[in-house]
Amino acid sequence: SKNAVELAANLIRDLKGLEDFPVTLPDELRSFMDADGYKAAHER
């Protein structure tokens, strides 16, 4: 029998690949976040 834990571990590894799925921010949010100095203020 295949090992269910090993299968789940491999499946989780593949699901982590979804972090490369493309994302496009709405224009309203993108322009807001692209403002000068916003990144530094946000991460502060």
PDB file of all heavy atoms in Angstrom:
ATOM      1  N   SER A   1       0.838  -1.202   0.000  1.00  0.00           N
ATOM      2  CA  SER A   1       0.000   0.000   0.000  1.00  0.00           C
ATOM      3  C   SER A   1       0.870   1.248   0.000  1.00  0.00           C
ATOM      4  O   SER A   1       1.925   1.278   0.637  1.00  0.00           O
ATOM      5  CB  SER A   1      -0.911   0.015   1.232  1.00  0.00           C
ATOM      6  OG  SER A   1      -1.640   1.225   1.303  1.00  0.00           O
ATOM      7  N   LYS A   2       0.429   2.249  -0.718  1.00  0.00           N
ATOM      8  CA  LYS A   2       1.088   3.550  -0.624  1.00  0.00           C
ATOM      9  C   LYS A   2       0.861   4.130   0.762  1.00  0.00           C
ATOM     10  O   LYS A   2      -0.143   3.856   1.419  1.00  0.00           O
ATOM     11  CB  LYS A   2       0.546   4.502  -1.684  1.00  0.00           C
ATOM     12  CG  LYS A   2       0.904   4.103  -3.112  1.00  0.00           C
ATOM     13  CD  LYS A   2       0.369   5.127  -4.113  1.00  0.00           C
ATOM     14  CE  LYS A   2       0.764   4.750  -5.530  1.00  0.00           C
ATOM     15  NZ  LYS A   2       0.256   5.735  -6.531  1.00  0.00           N
ATOM     16  N   ASN A   3       1.803   4.969   1.191  1.00  0.00           N
ATOM     17  CA  ASN A   3       1.723   5.585   2.505  1.00  0.00           C
ATOM     18  C   ASN A   3       0.947   6.900   2.403  1.00  0.00           C
ATOM     19  O   ASN A   3       1.325   7.809   1.670  1.00  0.00           O
ATOM     20  CB  ASN A   3       3.141   5.857   3.027  1.00  0.00           C
ATOM     21  CG  ASN A   3       3.134   6.396   4.445  1.00  0.00           C
ATOM     22  OD1 ASN A   3       2.722   7.529   4.666  1.00  0.00           O
ATOM     23  ND2 ASN A   3       3.579   5.589   5.386  1.00  0.00           N
ATOM     24  N   ALA A   4      -0.159   6.994   3.142  1.00  0.00           N
ATOM     25  CA  ALA A   4      -1.023   8.173   3.046  1.00  0.00           C
ATOM     26  C   ALA A   4      -0.301   9.444   3.489  1.00  0.00           C
ATOM     27  O   ALA A   4      -0.520  10.520   2.920  1.00  0.00           O
ATOM     28  CB  ALA A   4      -2.281   7.963   3.891  1.00  0.00           C
ATOM     29  N   VAL A   5       0.567   9.347   4.491  1.00  0.00           N
ATOM     30  CA  VAL A   5       1.293  10.522   4.968  1.00  0.00           C
ATOM     31  C   VAL A   5       2.261  11.026   3.906  1.00  0.00           C
ATOM     32  O   VAL A   5       2.376  12.236   3.659  1.00  0.00           O
ATOM     33  CB  VAL A   5       2.030  10.205   6.278  1.00  0.00           C
ATOM     34  CG1 VAL A   5       2.880  11.382   6.714  1.00  0.00           C
ATOM     35  CG2 VAL A   5       1.042   9.832   7.374  1.00  0.00           C
ATOM     36  N   GLU A   6       2.964  10.096   3.249  1.00  0.00           N
ATOM     37  CA  GLU A   6       3.889  10.496   2.186  1.00  0.00           C
ATOM     38  C   GLU A   6       3.134  11.133   1.012  1.00  0.00           C
ATOM     39  O   GLU A   6       3.585  12.128   0.434  1.00  0.00           O
ATOM     40  CB  GLU A   6       4.690   9.293   1.700  1.00  0.00           C
ATOM     41  CG  GLU A   6       5.690   8.784   2.724  1.00  0.00           C
ATOM     42  CD  GLU A   6       6.451   7.564   2.195  1.00  0.00           C
ATOM     43  OE1 GLU A   6       6.185   7.158   1.048  1.00  0.00           O
ATOM     44  OE2 GLU A   6       7.296   7.044   2.934  1.00  0.00           O
ATOM     45  N   LEU A   7       1.983  10.551   0.674  1.00  0.00           N
ATOM     46  CA  LEU A   7       1.174  11.130  -0.398  1.00  0.00           C
ATOM     47  C   LEU A   7       0.732  12.546  -0.036  1.00  0.00           C
ATOM     48  O   LEU A   7       0.776  13.465  -0.873  1.00  0.00           O
ATOM     49  CB  LEU A   7      -0.051  10.249  -0.661  1.00  0.00           C
ATOM     50  CG  LEU A   7       0.178   8.963  -1.438  1.00  0.00           C
ATOM     51  CD1 LEU A   7      -1.072   8.090  -1.389  1.00  0.00           C
ATOM     52  CD2 LEU A   7       0.539   9.264  -2.894  1.00  0.00           C
ATOM     53  N   ALA A   8       0.295  12.729   1.208  1.00  0.00           N
ATOM     54  CA  ALA A   8      -0.143  14.048   1.643  1.00  0.00           C
ATOM     55  C   ALA A   8       1.007  15.051   1.604  1.00  0.00           C
ATOM     56  O   ALA A   8       0.829  16.209   1.209  1.00  0.00           O
ATOM     57  CB  ALA A   8      -0.723  13.966   3.058  1.00  0.00           C
ATOM     58  N   ALA A   9       2.208  14.597   1.995  1.00  0.00           N
ATOM     59  CA  ALA A   9       3.369  15.487   1.969  1.00  0.00           C
ATOM     60  C   ALA A   9       3.691  15.923   0.544  1.00  0.00           C
ATOM     61  O   ALA A   9       3.990  17.091   0.280  1.00  0.00           O
ATOM     62  CB  ALA A   9       4.573  14.787   2.597  1.00  0.00           C
ATOM     63  N   ASN A  10       3.626  14.978  -0.404  1.00  0.00           N
ATOM     64  CA  ASN A  10       3.883  15.317  -1.803  1.00  0.00           C
ATOM     65  C   ASN A  10       2.808  16.256  -2.351  1.00  0.00           C
ATOM     66  O   ASN A  10       3.099  17.181  -3.131  1.00  0.00           O
ATOM     67  CB  ASN A  10       3.935  14.049  -2.652  1.00  0.00           C
ATOM     68  CG  ASN A  10       5.157  13.197  -2.348  1.00  0.00           C
ATOM     69  OD1 ASN A  10       6.176  13.706  -1.884  1.00  0.00           O
ATOM     70  ND2 ASN A  10       5.051  11.895  -2.595  1.00  0.00           N
ATOM     71  N   LEU A  11       1.567  16.015  -1.946  1.00  0.00           N
ATOM     72  CA  LEU A  11       0.468  16.858  -2.389  1.00  0.00           C
ATOM     73  C   LEU A  11       0.640  18.281  -1.867  1.00  0.00           C
ATOM     74  O   LEU A  11       0.436  19.261  -2.594  1.00  0.00           O
ATOM     75  CB  LEU A  11      -0.853  16.264  -1.918  1.00  0.00           C
ATOM     76  CG  LEU A  11      -2.134  17.041  -2.245  1.00  0.00           C
ATOM     77  CD1 LEU A  11      -2.264  17.266  -3.736  1.00  0.00           C
ATOM     78  CD2 LEU A  11      -3.349  16.290  -1.718  1.00  0.00           C
ATOM     79  N   ILE A  12       1.032  18.418  -0.602  1.00  0.00           N
ATOM     80  CA  ILE A  12       1.267  19.744  -0.025  1.00  0.00           C
ATOM     81  C   ILE A  12       2.390  20.458  -0.770  1.00  0.00           C
ATOM     82  O   ILE A  12       2.303  21.656  -1.056  1.00  0.00           O
ATOM     83  CB  ILE A  12       1.590  19.625   1.478  1.00  0.00           C
ATOM     84  CG1 ILE A  12       0.343  19.202   2.255  1.00  0.00           C
ATOM     85  CG2 ILE A  12       2.144  20.932   2.035  1.00  0.00           C
ATOM     86  CD1 ILE A  12       0.606  18.847   3.695  1.00  0.00           C
ATOM     87  N   ARG A  13       3.429  19.721  -1.108  1.00  0.00           N
ATOM     88  CA  ARG A  13       4.527  20.317  -1.887  1.00  0.00           C
ATOM     89  C   ARG A  13       4.017  20.870  -3.208  1.00  0.00           C
ATOM     90  O   ARG A  13       4.359  21.990  -3.610  1.00  0.00           O
ATOM     91  CB  ARG A  13       5.593  19.255  -2.151  1.00  0.00           C
ATOM     92  CG  ARG A  13       6.776  19.715  -3.003  1.00  0.00           C
ATOM     93  CD  ARG A  13       7.458  18.537  -3.650  1.00  0.00           C
ATOM     94  NE  ARG A  13       6.541  17.838  -4.539  1.00  0.00           N
ATOM     95  CZ  ARG A  13       6.605  16.527  -4.804  1.00  0.00           C
ATOM     96  NH1 ARG A  13       7.517  15.780  -4.216  1.00  0.00           N
ATOM     97  NH2 ARG A  13       5.753  15.972  -5.647  1.00  0.00           N
ATOM     98  N   ASP A  14       3.163  20.099  -3.882  1.00  0.00           N
ATOM     99  CA  ASP A  14       2.631  20.561  -5.163  1.00  0.00           C
ATOM    100  C   ASP A  14       1.707  21.765  -4.973  1.00  0.00           C
ATOM    101  O   ASP A  14       1.699  22.698  -5.785  1.00  0.00           O
ATOM    102  CB  ASP A  14       1.864  19.436  -5.857  1.00  0.00           C
ATOM    103  CG  ASP A  14       2.790  18.315  -6.329  1.00  0.00           C
ATOM    104  OD1 ASP A  14       4.017  18.513  -6.292  1.00  0.00           O
ATOM    105  OD2 ASP A  14       2.268  17.257  -6.733  1.00  0.00           O
ATOM    106  N   LEU A  15       0.903  21.743  -3.899  1.00  0.00           N
ATOM    107  CA  LEU A  15       0.017  22.871  -3.638  1.00  0.00           C
ATOM    108  C   LEU A  15       0.790  24.145  -3.339  1.00  0.00           C
ATOM    109  O   LEU A  15       0.347  25.251  -3.684  1.00  0.00           O
ATOM    110  CB  LEU A  15      -0.924  22.549  -2.471  1.00  0.00           C
ATOM    111  CG  LEU A  15      -2.013  21.510  -2.753  1.00  0.00           C
ATOM    112  CD1 LEU A  15      -2.756  21.156  -1.474  1.00  0.00           C
ATOM    113  CD2 LEU A  15      -2.995  22.013  -3.804  1.00  0.00           C
ATOM    114  N   LYS A  16       1.961  24.016  -2.715  1.00  0.00           N
ATOM    115  CA  LYS A  16       2.781  25.197  -2.451  1.00  0.00           C
ATOM    116  C   LYS A  16       3.191  25.888  -3.751  1.00  0.00           C
ATOM    117  O   LYS A  16       3.465  27.093  -3.772  1.00  0.00           O
ATOM    118  CB  LYS A  16       4.025  24.816  -1.660  1.00  0.00           C
ATOM    119  CG  LYS A  16       3.770  24.460  -0.217  1.00  0.00           C
ATOM    120  CD  LYS A  16       3.376  25.671   0.614  1.00  0.00           C
ATOM    121  CE  LYS A  16       4.547  26.598   0.867  1.00  0.00           C
ATOM    122  NZ  LYS A  16       4.168  27.745   1.752  1.00  0.00           N
ATOM    123  N   GLY A  17       3.198  25.111  -4.844  1.00  0.00           N
ATOM    124  CA  GLY A  17       3.527  25.698  -6.137  1.00  0.00           C
ATOM    125  C   GLY A  17       2.519  26.731  -6.596  1.00  0.00           C
ATOM    126  O   GLY A  17       2.804  27.545  -7.486  1.00  0.00           O
ATOM    127  N   LEU A  18       1.328  26.723  -5.985  1.00  0.00           N
ATOM    128  CA  LEU A  18       0.321  27.721  -6.332  1.00  0.00           C
ATOM    129  C   LEU A  18       0.750  29.130  -5.944  1.00  0.00           C
ATOM    130  O   LEU A  18       0.153  30.110  -6.399  1.00  0.00           O
ATOM    131  CB  LEU A  18      -1.010  27.389  -5.655  1.00  0.00           C
ATOM    132  CG  LEU A  18      -1.760  26.169  -6.204  1.00  0.00           C
ATOM    133  CD1 LEU A  18      -2.926  25.822  -5.305  1.00  0.00           C
ATOM    134  CD2 LEU A  18      -2.243  26.435  -7.622  1.00  0.00           C
ATOM    135  N   GLU A  19       1.791  29.249  -5.121  1.00  0.00           N
ATOM    136  CA  GLU A  19       2.271  30.575  -4.762  1.00  0.00           C
ATOM    137  C   GLU A  19       2.892  31.296  -5.952  1.00  0.00           C
ATOM    138  O   GLU A  19       3.156  32.499  -5.893  1.00  0.00           O
ATOM    139  CB  GLU A  19       3.245  30.489  -3.586  1.00  0.00           C
ATOM    140  CG  GLU A  19       2.560  30.030  -2.305  1.00  0.00           C
ATOM    141  CD  GLU A  19       3.434  30.169  -1.070  1.00  0.00           C
ATOM    142  OE1 GLU A  19       4.672  30.210  -1.227  1.00  0.00           O
ATOM    143  OE2 GLU A  19       2.882  30.250   0.046  1.00  0.00           O
ATOM    144  N   ASP A  20       3.140  30.558  -7.047  1.00  0.00           N
ATOM    145  CA  ASP A  20       3.626  31.177  -8.285  1.00  0.00           C
ATOM    146  C   ASP A  20       2.478  31.549  -9.215  1.00  0.00           C
ATOM    147  O   ASP A  20       2.709  32.036 -10.325  1.00  0.00           O
ATOM    148  CB  ASP A  20       4.577  30.217  -9.017  1.00  0.00           C
ATOM    149  CG  ASP A  20       5.836  29.928  -8.205  1.00  0.00           C
ATOM    150  OD1 ASP A  20       6.307  30.850  -7.506  1.00  0.00           O
ATOM    151  OD2 ASP A  20       6.322  28.784  -8.251  1.00  0.00           O
ATOM    152  N   PHE A  21       1.230  31.319  -8.787  1.00  0.00           N
ATOM    153  CA  PHE A  21       0.077  31.631  -9.623  1.00  0.00           C
ATOM    154  C   PHE A  21       0.009  33.148  -9.827  1.00  0.00           C
ATOM    155  O   PHE A  21       0.202  33.922  -8.887  1.00  0.00           O
ATOM    156  CB  PHE A  21      -1.205  31.136  -8.954  1.00  0.00           C
ATOM    157  CG  PHE A  21      -2.376  30.985  -9.887  1.00  0.00           C
ATOM    158  CD1 PHE A  21      -2.515  29.847 -10.666  1.00  0.00           C
ATOM    159  CD2 PHE A  21      -3.324  31.980  -9.991  1.00  0.00           C
ATOM    160  CE1 PHE A  21      -3.591  29.696 -11.533  1.00  0.00           C
ATOM    161  CE2 PHE A  21      -4.405  31.855 -10.846  1.00  0.00           C
ATOM    162  CZ  PHE A  21      -4.534  30.701 -11.626  1.00  0.00           C
ATOM    163  N   PRO A  22      -0.256  33.617 -11.065  1.00  0.00           N
ATOM    164  CA  PRO A  22      -0.216  35.061 -11.329  1.00  0.00           C
ATOM    165  C   PRO A  22      -1.303  35.837 -10.589  1.00  0.00           C
ATOM    166  O   PRO A  22      -2.424  35.374 -10.442  1.00  0.00           O
ATOM    167  CB  PRO A  22      -0.422  35.140 -12.852  1.00  0.00           C
ATOM    168  CG  PRO A  22      -1.116  33.865 -13.216  1.00  0.00           C
ATOM    169  CD  PRO A  22      -0.589  32.829 -12.271  1.00  0.00           C
ATOM    170  N   VAL A  23      -0.924  37.023 -10.120  1.00  0.00           N
ATOM    171  CA  VAL A  23      -1.833  37.925  -9.422  1.00  0.00           C
ATOM    172  C   VAL A  23      -1.737  39.305 -10.056  1.00  0.00           C
ATOM    173  O   VAL A  23      -0.647  39.814 -10.289  1.00  0.00           O
ATOM    174  CB  VAL A  23      -1.476  38.020  -7.917  1.00  0.00           C
ATOM    175  CG1 VAL A  23      -2.293  39.110  -7.237  1.00  0.00           C
ATOM    176  CG2 VAL A  23      -1.701  36.683  -7.230  1.00  0.00           C
ATOM    177  N   THR A  24      -2.881  39.904 -10.349  1.00  0.00           N
ATOM    178  CA  THR A  24      -2.938  41.267 -10.870  1.00  0.00           C
ATOM    179  C   THR A  24      -3.774  42.110  -9.923  1.00  0.00           C
ATOM    180  O   THR A  24      -4.972  41.878  -9.765  1.00  0.00           O
ATOM    181  CB  THR A  24      -3.563  41.296 -12.286  1.00  0.00           C
ATOM    182  OG1 THR A  24      -2.804  40.454 -13.158  1.00  0.00           O
ATOM    183  CG2 THR A  24      -3.570  42.730 -12.827  1.00  0.00           C
ATOM    184  N   LEU A  25      -3.145  43.083  -9.288  1.00  0.00           N
ATOM    185  CA  LEU A  25      -3.873  43.934  -8.357  1.00  0.00           C
ATOM    186  C   LEU A  25      -4.809  44.878  -9.107  1.00  0.00           C
ATOM    187  O   LEU A  25      -4.497  45.317 -10.218  1.00  0.00           O
ATOM    188  CB  LEU A  25      -2.896  44.766  -7.527  1.00  0.00           C
ATOM    189  CG  LEU A  25      -2.056  44.033  -6.476  1.00  0.00           C
ATOM    190  CD1 LEU A  25      -1.155  45.024  -5.756  1.00  0.00           C
ATOM    191  CD2 LEU A  25      -2.931  43.309  -5.467  1.00  0.00           C
ATOM    192  N   PRO A  26      -5.958  45.222  -8.513  1.00  0.00           N
ATOM    193  CA  PRO A  26      -6.828  46.234  -9.114  1.00  0.00           C
ATOM    194  C   PRO A  26      -6.063  47.549  -9.287  1.00  0.00           C
ATOM    195  O   PRO A  26      -5.194  47.881  -8.477  1.00  0.00           O
ATOM    196  CB  PRO A  26      -7.958  46.385  -8.090  1.00  0.00           C
ATOM    197  CG  PRO A  26      -7.927  45.127  -7.283  1.00  0.00           C
ATOM    198  CD  PRO A  26      -6.492  44.684  -7.250  1.00  0.00           C
ATOM    199  N   ASP A  27      -6.378  48.288 -10.336  1.00  0.00           N
ATOM    200  CA  ASP A  27      -5.665  49.539 -10.616  1.00  0.00           C
ATOM    201  C   ASP A  27      -5.707  50.486  -9.427  1.00  0.00           C
ATOM    202  O   ASP A  27      -4.708  51.155  -9.105  1.00  0.00           O
ATOM    203  CB  ASP A  27      -6.266  50.224 -11.845  1.00  0.00           C
ATOM    204  CG  ASP A  27      -5.988  49.451 -13.127  1.00  0.00           C
ATOM    205  OD1 ASP A  27      -5.054  48.619 -13.123  1.00  0.00           O
ATOM    206  OD2 ASP A  27      -6.695  49.688 -14.120  1.00  0.00           O
ATOM    207  N   GLU A  28      -6.856  50.570  -8.758  1.00  0.00           N
ATOM    208  CA  GLU A  28      -6.995  51.467  -7.613  1.00  0.00           C
ATOM    209  C   GLU A  28      -5.997  51.130  -6.517  1.00  0.00           C
ATOM    210  O   GLU A  28      -5.372  52.012  -5.918  1.00  0.00           O
ATOM    211  CB  GLU A  28      -8.417  51.396  -7.059  1.00  0.00           C
ATOM    212  CG  GLU A  28      -8.644  52.250  -5.818  1.00  0.00           C
ATOM    213  CD  GLU A  28     -10.025  52.055  -5.228  1.00  0.00           C
ATOM    214  OE1 GLU A  28     -10.827  51.276  -5.804  1.00  0.00           O
ATOM    215  OE2 GLU A  28     -10.315  52.684  -4.199  1.00  0.00           O
ATOM    216  N   LEU A  29      -5.827  49.835  -6.256  1.00  0.00           N
ATOM    217  CA  LEU A  29      -4.917  49.405  -5.207  1.00  0.00           C
ATOM    218  C   LEU A  29      -3.466  49.527  -5.664  1.00  0.00           C
ATOM    219  O   LEU A  29      -2.590  49.950  -4.905  1.00  0.00           O
ATOM    220  CB  LEU A  29      -5.230  47.962  -4.810  1.00  0.00           C
ATOM    221  CG  LEU A  29      -4.476  47.387  -3.610  1.00  0.00           C
ATOM    222  CD1 LEU A  29      -4.663  48.263  -2.391  1.00  0.00           C
ATOM    223  CD2 LEU A  29      -4.949  45.968  -3.324  1.00  0.00           C
ATOM    224  N   ARG A  30      -3.191  49.189  -6.924  1.00  0.00           N
ATOM    225  CA  ARG A  30      -1.819  49.244  -7.442  1.00  0.00           C
ATOM    226  C   ARG A  30      -1.276  50.663  -7.421  1.00  0.00           C
ATOM    227  O   ARG A  30      -0.141  50.913  -6.988  1.00  0.00           O
ATOM    228  CB  ARG A  30      -1.811  48.699  -8.869  1.00  0.00           C
ATOM    229  CG  ARG A  30      -0.443  48.630  -9.548  1.00  0.00           C
ATOM    230  CD  ARG A  30       0.388  47.479  -9.028  1.00  0.00           C
ATOM    231  NE  ARG A  30       1.113  47.782  -7.803  1.00  0.00           N
ATOM    232  CZ  ARG A  30       1.756  46.876  -7.091  1.00  0.00           C
ATOM    233  NH1 ARG A  30       1.734  45.606  -7.448  1.00  0.00           N
ATOM    234  NH2 ARG A  30       2.408  47.218  -6.000  1.00  0.00           N
ATOM    235  N   SER A  31      -2.081  51.624  -7.890  1.00  0.00           N
ATOM    236  CA  SER A  31      -1.624  53.012  -7.914  1.00  0.00           C
ATOM    237  C   SER A  31      -1.418  53.547  -6.499  1.00  0.00           C
ATOM    238  O   SER A  31      -0.501  54.341  -6.249  1.00  0.00           O
ATOM    239  CB  SER A  31      -2.625  53.890  -8.671  1.00  0.00           C
ATOM    240  OG  SER A  31      -3.893  53.868  -8.035  1.00  0.00           O
ATOM    241  N   PHE A  32      -2.237  53.100  -5.580  1.00  0.00           N
ATOM    242  CA  PHE A  32      -2.121  53.517  -4.187  1.00  0.00           C
ATOM    243  C   PHE A  32      -0.806  53.009  -3.599  1.00  0.00           C
ATOM    244  O   PHE A  32      -0.059  53.762  -2.966  1.00  0.00           O
ATOM    245  CB  PHE A  32      -3.311  52.966  -3.407  1.00  0.00           C
ATOM    246  CG  PHE A  32      -3.455  53.520  -2.019  1.00  0.00           C
ATOM    247  CD1 PHE A  32      -4.168  54.688  -1.811  1.00  0.00           C
ATOM    248  CD2 PHE A  32      -2.906  52.870  -0.930  1.00  0.00           C
ATOM    249  CE1 PHE A  32      -4.318  55.204  -0.521  1.00  0.00           C
ATOM    250  CE2 PHE A  32      -3.045  53.380   0.341  1.00  0.00           C
ATOM    251  CZ  PHE A  32      -3.756  54.552   0.553  1.00  0.00           C
ATOM    252  N   MET A  33      -0.488  51.754  -3.846  1.00  0.00           N
ATOM    253  CA  MET A  33       0.706  51.145  -3.269  1.00  0.00           C
ATOM    254  C   MET A  33       1.985  51.595  -3.967  1.00  0.00           C
ATOM    255  O   MET A  33       3.077  51.490  -3.397  1.00  0.00           O
ATOM    256  CB  MET A  33       0.577  49.624  -3.310  1.00  0.00           C
ATOM    257  CG  MET A  33      -0.548  49.085  -2.447  1.00  0.00           C
ATOM    258  SD  MET A  33      -0.732  47.289  -2.561  1.00  0.00           S
ATOM    259  CE  MET A  33       0.787  46.725  -1.770  1.00  0.00           C
ATOM    260  N   ASP A  34       1.869  52.101  -5.212  1.00  0.00           N
ATOM    261  CA  ASP A  34       3.043  52.561  -5.953  1.00  0.00           C
ATOM    262  C   ASP A  34       3.441  53.991  -5.619  1.00  0.00           C
ATOM    263  O   ASP A  34       4.430  54.506  -6.144  1.00  0.00           O
ATOM    264  CB  ASP A  34       2.785  52.458  -7.464  1.00  0.00           C
ATOM    265  CG  ASP A  34       2.856  51.018  -7.962  1.00  0.00           C
ATOM    266  OD1 ASP A  34       3.394  50.172  -7.226  1.00  0.00           O
ATOM    267  OD2 ASP A  34       2.369  50.749  -9.078  1.00  0.00           O
ATOM    268  N   ALA A  35       2.664  54.667  -4.768  1.00  0.00           N
ATOM    269  CA  ALA A  35       2.970  56.054  -4.408  1.00  0.00           C
ATOM    270  C   ALA A  35       4.336  56.146  -3.731  1.00  0.00           C
ATOM    271  O   ALA A  35       4.771  55.230  -3.024  1.00  0.00           O
ATOM    272  CB  ALA A  35       1.881  56.610  -3.486  1.00  0.00           C
ATOM    273  N   ASP A  36       5.034  57.265  -3.965  1.00  0.00           N
ATOM    274  CA  ASP A  36       6.360  57.463  -3.387  1.00  0.00           C
ATOM    275  C   ASP A  36       6.324  57.342  -1.865  1.00  0.00           C
ATOM    276  O   ASP A  36       5.490  57.965  -1.199  1.00  0.00           O
ATOM    277  CB  ASP A  36       6.890  58.859  -3.760  1.00  0.00           C
ATOM    278  CG  ASP A  36       7.248  58.979  -5.237  1.00  0.00           C
ATOM    279  OD1 ASP A  36       7.395  57.920  -5.884  1.00  0.00           O
ATOM    280  OD2 ASP A  36       7.376  60.115  -5.727  1.00  0.00           O
ATOM    281  N   GLY A  37       7.223  56.552  -1.334  1.00  0.00           N
ATOM    282  CA  GLY A  37       7.360  56.402   0.104  1.00  0.00           C
ATOM    283  C   GLY A  37       6.363  55.469   0.757  1.00  0.00           C
ATOM    284  O   GLY A  37       6.466  55.204   1.964  1.00  0.00           O
ATOM    285  N   TYR A  38       5.394  54.949  -0.043  1.00  0.00           N
ATOM    286  CA  TYR A  38       4.347  54.142   0.585  1.00  0.00           C
ATOM    287  C   TYR A  38       4.895  52.812   1.120  1.00  0.00           C
ATOM    288  O   TYR A  38       4.542  52.393   2.221  1.00  0.00           O
ATOM    289  CB  TYR A  38       3.208  53.867  -0.398  1.00  0.00           C
ATOM    290  CG  TYR A  38       2.072  53.102   0.241  1.00  0.00           C
ATOM    291  CD1 TYR A  38       1.111  53.776   0.983  1.00  0.00           C
ATOM    292  CD2 TYR A  38       1.976  51.720   0.146  1.00  0.00           C
ATOM    293  CE1 TYR A  38       0.076  53.092   1.604  1.00  0.00           C
ATOM    294  CE2 TYR A  38       0.949  51.022   0.771  1.00  0.00           C
ATOM    295  CZ  TYR A  38       0.007  51.712   1.492  1.00  0.00           C
ATOM    296  OH  TYR A  38      -0.995  51.021   2.117  1.00  0.00           O
ATOM    297  N   LYS A  39       5.766  52.160   0.342  1.00  0.00           N
ATOM    298  CA  LYS A  39       6.291  50.862   0.778  1.00  0.00           C
ATOM    299  C   LYS A  39       7.006  50.983   2.115  1.00  0.00           C
ATOM    300  O   LYS A  39       6.797  50.167   3.025  1.00  0.00           O
ATOM    301  CB  LYS A  39       7.233  50.281  -0.275  1.00  0.00           C
ATOM    302  CG  LYS A  39       7.839  48.947   0.138  1.00  0.00           C
ATOM    303  CD  LYS A  39       8.737  48.358  -0.949  1.00  0.00           C
ATOM    304  CE  LYS A  39       9.324  47.029  -0.494  1.00  0.00           C
ATOM    305  NZ  LYS A  39      10.202  46.429  -1.541  1.00  0.00           N
ATOM    306  N   ALA A  40       7.857  52.012   2.252  1.00  0.00           N
ATOM    307  CA  ALA A  40       8.600  52.183   3.504  1.00  0.00           C
ATOM    308  C   ALA A  40       7.659  52.440   4.670  1.00  0.00           C
ATOM    309  O   ALA A  40       7.827  51.879   5.760  1.00  0.00           O
ATOM    310  CB  ALA A  40       9.594  53.337   3.356  1.00  0.00           C
ATOM    311  N   ALA A  41       6.629  53.276   4.431  1.00  0.00           N
ATOM    312  CA  ALA A  41       5.673  53.565   5.499  1.00  0.00           C
ATOM    313  C   ALA A  41       4.874  52.331   5.865  1.00  0.00           C
ATOM    314  O   ALA A  41       4.628  52.051   7.051  1.00  0.00           O
ATOM    315  CB  ALA A  41       4.742  54.695   5.056  1.00  0.00           C
ATOM    316  N   HIS A  42       4.478  51.552   4.857  1.00  0.00           N
ATOM    317  CA  HIS A  42       3.697  50.339   5.092  1.00  0.00           C
ATOM    318  C   HIS A  42       4.486  49.330   5.921  1.00  0.00           C
ATOM    319  O   HIS A  42       3.973  48.768   6.898  1.00  0.00           O
ATOM    320  CB  HIS A  42       3.305  49.738   3.739  1.00  0.00           C
ATOM    321  CG  HIS A  42       2.463  48.512   3.829  1.00  0.00           C
ATOM    322  ND1 HIS A  42       1.099  48.527   3.687  1.00  0.00           N
ATOM    323  CD2 HIS A  42       2.783  47.211   4.076  1.00  0.00           C
ATOM    324  CE1 HIS A  42       0.624  47.304   3.826  1.00  0.00           C
ATOM    325  NE2 HIS A  42       1.628  46.491   4.054  1.00  0.00           N
ATOM    326  N   GLU A  43       5.737  49.098   5.553  1.00  0.00           N
ATOM    327  CA  GLU A  43       6.526  48.082   6.258  1.00  0.00           C
ATOM    328  C   GLU A  43       6.979  48.583   7.628  1.00  0.00           C
ATOM    329  O   GLU A  43       7.257  47.767   8.509  1.00  0.00           O
ATOM    330  CB  GLU A  43       7.702  47.651   5.400  1.00  0.00           C
ATOM    331  CG  GLU A  43       7.258  46.944   4.126  1.00  0.00           C
ATOM    332  CD  GLU A  43       8.291  46.020   3.536  1.00  0.00           C
ATOM    333  OE1 GLU A  43       9.492  46.208   3.837  1.00  0.00           O
ATOM    334  OE2 GLU A  43       7.897  45.109   2.772  1.00  0.00           O
ATOM    335  N   ARG A  44       7.036  49.912   7.820  1.00  0.00           N
ATOM    336  CA  ARG A  44       7.327  50.423   9.160  1.00  0.00           C
ATOM    337  C   ARG A  44       6.211  50.034  10.118  1.00  0.00           C
ATOM    338  O   ARG A  44       6.447  49.721  11.287  1.00  0.00           O
ATOM    339  CB  ARG A  44       7.474  51.943   9.104  1.00  0.00           C
ATOM    340  CG  ARG A  44       7.639  52.591  10.481  1.00  0.00           C
ATOM    341  CD  ARG A  44       7.816  54.096  10.363  1.00  0.00           C
ATOM    342  NE  ARG A  44       6.729  54.729   9.630  1.00  0.00           N
ATOM    343  CZ  ARG A  44       5.553  55.042  10.171  1.00  0.00           C
ATOM    344  NH1 ARG A  44       5.295  54.739  11.447  1.00  0.00           N
ATOM    345  NH2 ARG A  44       4.615  55.632   9.448  1.00  0.00           N
TER     346      ARG A  44
END
